[in-house]
Amino acid sequence: MIIAEIGQNFCGDINLAKRLIVNAKTGGADLAKFQLYDTKKIYPPDSPFKKQAKEAELSFEQAKELFD
């Protein structure tokens, strides 16, 4: 089994996420893995990375859309 790690590489763009899933499948992956997290819980308010992480955060609805 081959799992493609997409993580935050879709930069918050759901259409890019879908293309990355297709590319992973074309490249031989059986599954595509995203990272689901709550930015508010893992980054302190003054973190320089918080904005970028928030932009790439998947909502439950987006995760379900990608799964479907």
N, C-alpha and C. Protein backbone atom coordinates (compact mmCIF):
# COMPACT_ATOMS: atom_id res chain seq x y z
N MET A 1 0.84 -1.18 0.00
CA MET A 1 0.00 0.00 0.00
C MET A 1 0.89 1.24 0.00
N ILE A 2 0.54 2.19 -0.84
CA ILE A 2 1.28 3.45 -0.93
C ILE A 2 0.36 4.58 -0.48
N ILE A 3 0.84 5.38 0.49
CA ILE A 3 0.07 6.51 1.00
C ILE A 3 0.77 7.79 0.61
N ALA A 4 0.06 8.67 -0.09
CA ALA A 4 0.60 9.97 -0.49
C ALA A 4 0.33 10.97 0.62
N GLU A 5 1.35 11.60 1.14
CA GLU A 5 1.23 12.63 2.18
C GLU A 5 1.04 13.98 1.50
N ILE A 6 -0.15 14.54 1.60
CA ILE A 6 -0.40 15.85 1.02
C ILE A 6 -0.22 16.94 2.07
N GLY A 7 -0.61 16.65 3.30
CA GLY A 7 -0.38 17.60 4.39
C GLY A 7 -0.93 18.97 4.10
N GLN A 8 -0.08 19.99 4.18
CA GLN A 8 -0.49 21.37 3.93
C GLN A 8 -0.10 21.83 2.52
N ASN A 9 0.34 20.93 1.69
CA ASN A 9 0.84 21.30 0.37
C ASN A 9 -0.22 21.89 -0.56
N PHE A 10 -1.48 21.80 -0.18
CA PHE A 10 -2.53 22.37 -1.02
C PHE A 10 -2.78 23.84 -0.71
N CYS A 11 -2.10 24.36 0.32
CA CYS A 11 -2.12 25.80 0.66
C CYS A 11 -3.52 26.38 0.83
N GLY A 12 -4.44 25.56 1.30
CA GLY A 12 -5.80 26.03 1.55
C GLY A 12 -6.69 26.08 0.32
N ASP A 13 -6.19 25.66 -0.82
CA ASP A 13 -6.95 25.68 -2.07
C ASP A 13 -7.57 24.30 -2.30
N ILE A 14 -8.88 24.20 -2.10
CA ILE A 14 -9.57 22.91 -2.20
C ILE A 14 -9.45 22.30 -3.60
N ASN A 15 -9.43 23.13 -4.63
CA ASN A 15 -9.28 22.60 -5.99
C ASN A 15 -7.88 22.03 -6.21
N LEU A 16 -6.88 22.67 -5.63
CA LEU A 16 -5.52 22.13 -5.70
C LEU A 16 -5.45 20.81 -4.94
N ALA A 17 -6.12 20.74 -3.79
CA ALA A 17 -6.15 19.50 -3.02
C ALA A 17 -6.71 18.35 -3.86
N LYS A 18 -7.78 18.64 -4.58
CA LYS A 18 -8.38 17.60 -5.44
C LYS A 18 -7.43 17.18 -6.55
N ARG A 19 -6.73 18.14 -7.14
CA ARG A 19 -5.76 17.80 -8.19
C ARG A 19 -4.61 16.97 -7.62
N LEU A 20 -4.17 17.30 -6.39
CA LEU A 20 -3.09 16.53 -5.78
C LEU A 20 -3.53 15.09 -5.50
N ILE A 21 -4.78 14.90 -5.13
CA ILE A 21 -5.30 13.54 -4.93
C ILE A 21 -5.26 12.77 -6.25
N VAL A 22 -5.72 13.40 -7.32
CA VAL A 22 -5.70 12.75 -8.64
C VAL A 22 -4.26 12.43 -9.05
N ASN A 23 -3.36 13.38 -8.84
CA ASN A 23 -1.95 13.15 -9.19
C ASN A 23 -1.35 12.01 -8.36
N ALA A 24 -1.71 11.95 -7.10
CA ALA A 24 -1.21 10.87 -6.25
C ALA A 24 -1.70 9.52 -6.77
N LYS A 25 -2.97 9.46 -7.14
CA LYS A 25 -3.54 8.22 -7.67
C LYS A 25 -2.85 7.84 -8.98
N THR A 26 -2.66 8.84 -9.85
CA THR A 26 -1.98 8.60 -11.13
C THR A 26 -0.56 8.09 -10.90
N GLY A 27 0.07 8.59 -9.85
CA GLY A 27 1.43 8.18 -9.52
C GLY A 27 1.53 6.85 -8.80
N GLY A 28 0.39 6.22 -8.53
CA GLY A 28 0.40 4.89 -7.95
C GLY A 28 -0.01 4.81 -6.49
N ALA A 29 -0.40 5.93 -5.89
CA ALA A 29 -0.80 5.91 -4.48
C ALA A 29 -2.18 5.26 -4.33
N ASP A 30 -2.33 4.55 -3.22
CA ASP A 30 -3.62 3.94 -2.89
C ASP A 30 -4.49 4.88 -2.06
N LEU A 31 -3.83 5.72 -1.28
CA LEU A 31 -4.51 6.66 -0.39
C LEU A 31 -3.80 8.00 -0.41
N ALA A 32 -4.55 9.05 -0.09
CA ALA A 32 -3.96 10.38 0.10
C ALA A 32 -4.25 10.81 1.54
N LYS A 33 -3.22 11.30 2.23
CA LYS A 33 -3.35 11.68 3.63
C LYS A 33 -3.21 13.19 3.78
N PHE A 34 -4.15 13.78 4.51
CA PHE A 34 -4.09 15.19 4.86
C PHE A 34 -3.91 15.30 6.37
N GLN A 35 -3.42 16.43 6.82
CA GLN A 35 -3.28 16.67 8.26
C GLN A 35 -4.47 17.50 8.72
N LEU A 36 -5.20 17.00 9.68
CA LEU A 36 -6.32 17.73 10.25
C LEU A 36 -5.92 18.22 11.63
N TYR A 37 -6.14 19.48 11.89
CA TYR A 37 -5.75 20.07 13.17
C TYR A 37 -6.55 21.33 13.41
N ASP A 38 -6.49 21.83 14.62
CA ASP A 38 -7.15 23.07 15.01
C ASP A 38 -6.05 24.09 15.33
N THR A 39 -5.87 25.05 14.44
CA THR A 39 -4.80 26.03 14.56
C THR A 39 -4.83 26.73 15.93
N LYS A 40 -6.02 27.07 16.40
CA LYS A 40 -6.14 27.78 17.67
C LYS A 40 -5.57 26.98 18.83
N LYS A 41 -5.64 25.66 18.74
CA LYS A 41 -5.19 24.81 19.84
C LYS A 41 -3.69 24.53 19.81
N ILE A 42 -3.06 24.61 18.63
CA ILE A 42 -1.65 24.20 18.57
C ILE A 42 -0.66 25.34 18.39
N TYR A 43 -1.15 26.53 18.00
CA TYR A 43 -0.24 27.67 17.80
C TYR A 43 -0.55 28.77 18.81
N PRO A 44 0.47 29.32 19.44
CA PRO A 44 0.23 30.46 20.33
C PRO A 44 -0.21 31.67 19.51
N PRO A 45 -0.94 32.61 20.13
CA PRO A 45 -1.47 33.76 19.39
C PRO A 45 -0.41 34.57 18.63
N ASP A 46 0.79 34.63 19.14
CA ASP A 46 1.83 35.45 18.51
C ASP A 46 2.76 34.66 17.57
N SER A 47 2.38 33.43 17.24
CA SER A 47 3.22 32.60 16.37
C SER A 47 3.27 33.16 14.96
N PRO A 48 4.47 33.28 14.38
CA PRO A 48 4.58 33.76 13.00
C PRO A 48 4.03 32.76 11.98
N PHE A 49 3.81 31.53 12.40
CA PHE A 49 3.33 30.48 11.49
C PHE A 49 1.82 30.29 11.56
N LYS A 50 1.16 30.95 12.49
CA LYS A 50 -0.26 30.73 12.72
C LYS A 50 -1.10 31.09 11.49
N LYS A 51 -0.82 32.22 10.86
CA LYS A 51 -1.60 32.65 9.70
C LYS A 51 -1.49 31.64 8.56
N GLN A 52 -0.28 31.21 8.27
CA GLN A 52 -0.06 30.25 7.18
C GLN A 52 -0.75 28.92 7.50
N ALA A 53 -0.64 28.47 8.74
CA ALA A 53 -1.28 27.22 9.12
C ALA A 53 -2.80 27.33 9.04
N LYS A 54 -3.35 28.46 9.44
CA LYS A 54 -4.80 28.66 9.40
C LYS A 54 -5.30 28.62 7.95
N GLU A 55 -4.54 29.18 7.03
CA GLU A 55 -4.93 29.18 5.63
C GLU A 55 -4.98 27.77 5.05
N ALA A 56 -4.17 26.87 5.57
CA ALA A 56 -4.11 25.50 5.07
C ALA A 56 -4.94 24.53 5.90
N GLU A 57 -5.64 25.04 6.89
CA GLU A 57 -6.45 24.18 7.76
C GLU A 57 -7.69 23.70 7.02
N LEU A 58 -7.95 22.41 7.10
CA LEU A 58 -9.15 21.83 6.49
C LEU A 58 -10.29 21.82 7.50
N SER A 59 -11.46 22.25 7.06
CA SER A 59 -12.65 22.11 7.89
C SER A 59 -13.15 20.67 7.76
N PHE A 60 -14.03 20.27 8.65
CA PHE A 60 -14.62 18.94 8.55
C PHE A 60 -15.34 18.78 7.21
N GLU A 61 -16.06 19.83 6.80
CA GLU A 61 -16.81 19.77 5.55
C GLU A 61 -15.88 19.60 4.34
N GLN A 62 -14.75 20.32 4.36
CA GLN A 62 -13.78 20.18 3.26
C GLN A 62 -13.16 18.78 3.27
N ALA A 63 -12.84 18.27 4.44
CA ALA A 63 -12.26 16.92 4.53
C ALA A 63 -13.25 15.89 3.98
N LYS A 64 -14.51 16.04 4.32
CA LYS A 64 -15.53 15.12 3.80
C LYS A 64 -15.64 15.24 2.29
N GLU A 65 -15.60 16.47 1.77
CA GLU A 65 -15.67 16.68 0.32
C GLU A 65 -14.51 15.97 -0.37
N LEU A 66 -13.31 16.08 0.17
CA LEU A 66 -12.15 15.42 -0.42
C LEU A 66 -12.26 13.90 -0.32
N PHE A 67 -12.79 13.43 0.79
CA PHE A 67 -12.98 12.00 0.96
C PHE A 67 -13.95 11.44 -0.07
N ASP A 68 -15.05 12.17 -0.27
CA ASP A 68 -16.06 11.73 -1.24
C ASP A 68 -15.52 11.74 -2.65
